[in-house]
Amino acid sequence: FPLGSLVTLTDGSVARVLRRNGTQYMTPIVQRLQNAQGQRVDVNALENIIDLAQSPLKVAQALPTPGKAEVSLTEALKMFDEETR
């Protein structure tokens, strides 16, 4: 996961990737930004800095970066299909 990217954790909370975790690329160290109910949390509280290699939580989903003009994969494939006809 790229540094600074946003992810949803298995408990439904949202976190930002702070750094990689050695060679354990699927279990980065993250900073929780909001809880599962969508409420902001104290990002400086130690319990919101989570080493996913040492936690029962895992990354459930990568989220799009805010402000990026992204095209959904479905739309991109549809455009590619139309161009190749």
C-alpha atoms as a PDB file:
ATOM      1  CA  PHE A   1       0.000   0.000   0.000  1.00  0.00           C
ATOM      2  CA  PRO A   2       1.460   3.384  -0.940  1.00  0.00           C
ATOM      3  CA  LEU A   3       2.383   5.693   1.929  1.00  0.00           C
ATOM      4  CA  GLY A   4      -0.433   8.119   2.630  1.00  0.00           C
ATOM      5  CA  SER A   5      -3.070   5.961   0.971  1.00  0.00           C
ATOM      6  CA  LEU A   6      -6.383   5.369   2.703  1.00  0.00           C
ATOM      7  CA  VAL A   7      -7.721   1.946   3.627  1.00  0.00           C
ATOM      8  CA  THR A   8     -10.754   0.460   5.316  1.00  0.00           C
ATOM      9  CA  LEU A   9      -9.919  -1.967   8.109  1.00  0.00           C
ATOM     10  CA  THR A  10     -11.822  -5.149   8.891  1.00  0.00           C
ATOM     11  CA  ASP A  11     -13.626  -3.424  11.776  1.00  0.00           C
ATOM     12  CA  GLY A  12     -15.032  -0.801   9.363  1.00  0.00           C
ATOM     13  CA  SER A  13     -12.750   2.031  10.452  1.00  0.00           C
ATOM     14  CA  VAL A  14     -10.714   4.136   8.007  1.00  0.00           C
ATOM     15  CA  ALA A  15      -6.955   4.560   8.312  1.00  0.00           C
ATOM     16  CA  ARG A  16      -4.031   6.151   6.489  1.00  0.00           C
ATOM     17  CA  VAL A  17      -0.920   4.114   5.673  1.00  0.00           C
ATOM     18  CA  LEU A  18       2.031   5.589   7.586  1.00  0.00           C
ATOM     19  CA  ARG A  19       4.777   3.186   6.598  1.00  0.00           C
ATOM     20  CA  ARG A  20       5.463  -0.280   5.344  1.00  0.00           C
ATOM     21  CA  ASN A  21       6.182  -3.046   7.784  1.00  0.00           C
ATOM     22  CA  GLY A  22       9.502  -4.524   6.717  1.00  0.00           C
ATOM     23  CA  THR A  23       8.736  -7.099   4.039  1.00  0.00           C
ATOM     24  CA  GLN A  24       5.176  -7.633   5.255  1.00  0.00           C
ATOM     25  CA  TYR A  25       3.571  -5.489   2.566  1.00  0.00           C
ATOM     26  CA  MET A  26      -0.007  -6.499   3.343  1.00  0.00           C
ATOM     27  CA  THR A  27       0.279  -5.427   6.989  1.00  0.00           C
ATOM     28  CA  PRO A  28       1.485  -1.810   7.035  1.00  0.00           C
ATOM     29  CA  ILE A  29       1.543   0.497  10.026  1.00  0.00           C
ATOM     30  CA  VAL A  30      -1.535   2.700   9.828  1.00  0.00           C
ATOM     31  CA  GLN A  31      -3.106   5.675  11.594  1.00  0.00           C
ATOM     32  CA  ARG A  32      -6.838   5.354  12.222  1.00  0.00           C
ATOM     33  CA  LEU A  33      -8.692   8.497  11.073  1.00  0.00           C
ATOM     34  CA  GLN A  34     -12.282   7.539  11.811  1.00  0.00           C
ATOM     35  CA  ASN A  35     -14.085   4.758  13.600  1.00  0.00           C
ATOM     36  CA  ALA A  36     -16.553   2.297  12.097  1.00  0.00           C
ATOM     37  CA  GLN A  37     -19.397   4.762  12.748  1.00  0.00           C
ATOM     38  CA  GLY A  38     -17.665   7.416  10.618  1.00  0.00           C
ATOM     39  CA  GLN A  39     -16.683   9.617  13.557  1.00  0.00           C
ATOM     40  CA  ARG A  40     -13.254  11.239  13.593  1.00  0.00           C
ATOM     41  CA  VAL A  41     -10.848   9.936  16.203  1.00  0.00           C
ATOM     42  CA  ASP A  42      -7.859  11.516  17.932  1.00  0.00           C
ATOM     43  CA  VAL A  43      -5.210  10.697  15.337  1.00  0.00           C
ATOM     44  CA  ASN A  44      -2.432  11.392  17.850  1.00  0.00           C
ATOM     45  CA  ALA A  45      -3.698   8.860  20.403  1.00  0.00           C
ATOM     46  CA  LEU A  46      -1.399   5.848  20.579  1.00  0.00           C
ATOM     47  CA  GLU A  47      -4.298   3.396  20.199  1.00  0.00           C
ATOM     48  CA  ASN A  48      -4.927   4.858  16.734  1.00  0.00           C
ATOM     49  CA  ILE A  49      -1.442   4.029  15.470  1.00  0.00           C
ATOM     50  CA  ILE A  50      -1.784   0.369  14.537  1.00  0.00           C
ATOM     51  CA  ASP A  51       0.851  -2.136  13.470  1.00  0.00           C
ATOM     52  CA  LEU A  52      -1.321  -4.476  11.413  1.00  0.00           C
ATOM     53  CA  ALA A  53       1.278  -7.249  11.717  1.00  0.00           C
ATOM     54  CA  GLN A  54       0.622  -7.240  15.481  1.00  0.00           C
ATOM     55  CA  SER A  55      -3.152  -6.676  15.328  1.00  0.00           C
ATOM     56  CA  PRO A  56      -6.175  -8.845  14.604  1.00  0.00           C
ATOM     57  CA  LEU A  57      -7.256  -6.050  12.210  1.00  0.00           C
ATOM     58  CA  LYS A  58      -6.390  -6.322   8.533  1.00  0.00           C
ATOM     59  CA  VAL A  59      -6.880  -4.148   5.463  1.00  0.00           C
ATOM     60  CA  ALA A  60     -10.324  -4.892   4.043  1.00  0.00           C
ATOM     61  CA  GLN A  61     -10.177  -2.469   1.119  1.00  0.00           C
ATOM     62  CA  ALA A  62      -8.013   0.245  -0.391  1.00  0.00           C
ATOM     63  CA  LEU A  63      -9.859   3.548  -0.831  1.00  0.00           C
ATOM     64  CA  PRO A  64      -9.440   6.125  -3.602  1.00  0.00           C
ATOM     65  CA  THR A  65      -7.274   9.077  -2.736  1.00  0.00           C
ATOM     66  CA  PRO A  66      -9.429  12.177  -2.147  1.00  0.00           C
ATOM     67  CA  GLY A  67      -9.213  14.706  -4.935  1.00  0.00           C
ATOM     68  CA  LYS A  68      -7.956  12.273  -7.549  1.00  0.00           C
ATOM     69  CA  ALA A  69      -9.929  12.023 -10.774  1.00  0.00           C
ATOM     70  CA  GLU A  70     -10.133   8.266 -10.999  1.00  0.00           C
ATOM     71  CA  VAL A  71     -12.013   6.194 -13.525  1.00  0.00           C
ATOM     72  CA  SER A  72     -13.689   3.054 -12.262  1.00  0.00           C
ATOM     73  CA  LEU A  73     -12.259  -0.189 -13.586  1.00  0.00           C
ATOM     74  CA  THR A  74     -15.637  -1.112 -15.079  1.00  0.00           C
ATOM     75  CA  GLU A  75     -15.772   2.160 -17.040  1.00  0.00           C
ATOM     76  CA  ALA A  76     -12.157   1.798 -18.173  1.00  0.00           C
ATOM     77  CA  LEU A  77     -12.804  -1.724 -19.458  1.00  0.00           C
ATOM     78  CA  LYS A  78     -15.968  -0.568 -21.236  1.00  0.00           C
ATOM     79  CA  MET A  79     -14.043   2.261 -22.950  1.00  0.00           C
ATOM     80  CA  PHE A  80     -11.274  -0.164 -23.952  1.00  0.00           C
ATOM     81  CA  ASP A  81     -13.826  -2.604 -25.351  1.00  0.00           C
ATOM     82  CA  GLU A  82     -15.494   0.153 -27.393  1.00  0.00           C
ATOM     83  CA  GLU A  83     -12.137   1.347 -28.752  1.00  0.00           C
ATOM     84  CA  THR A  84     -11.092  -2.140 -29.866  1.00  0.00           C
ATOM     85  CA  ARG A  85     -14.295  -2.838 -31.836  1.00  0.00           C
END
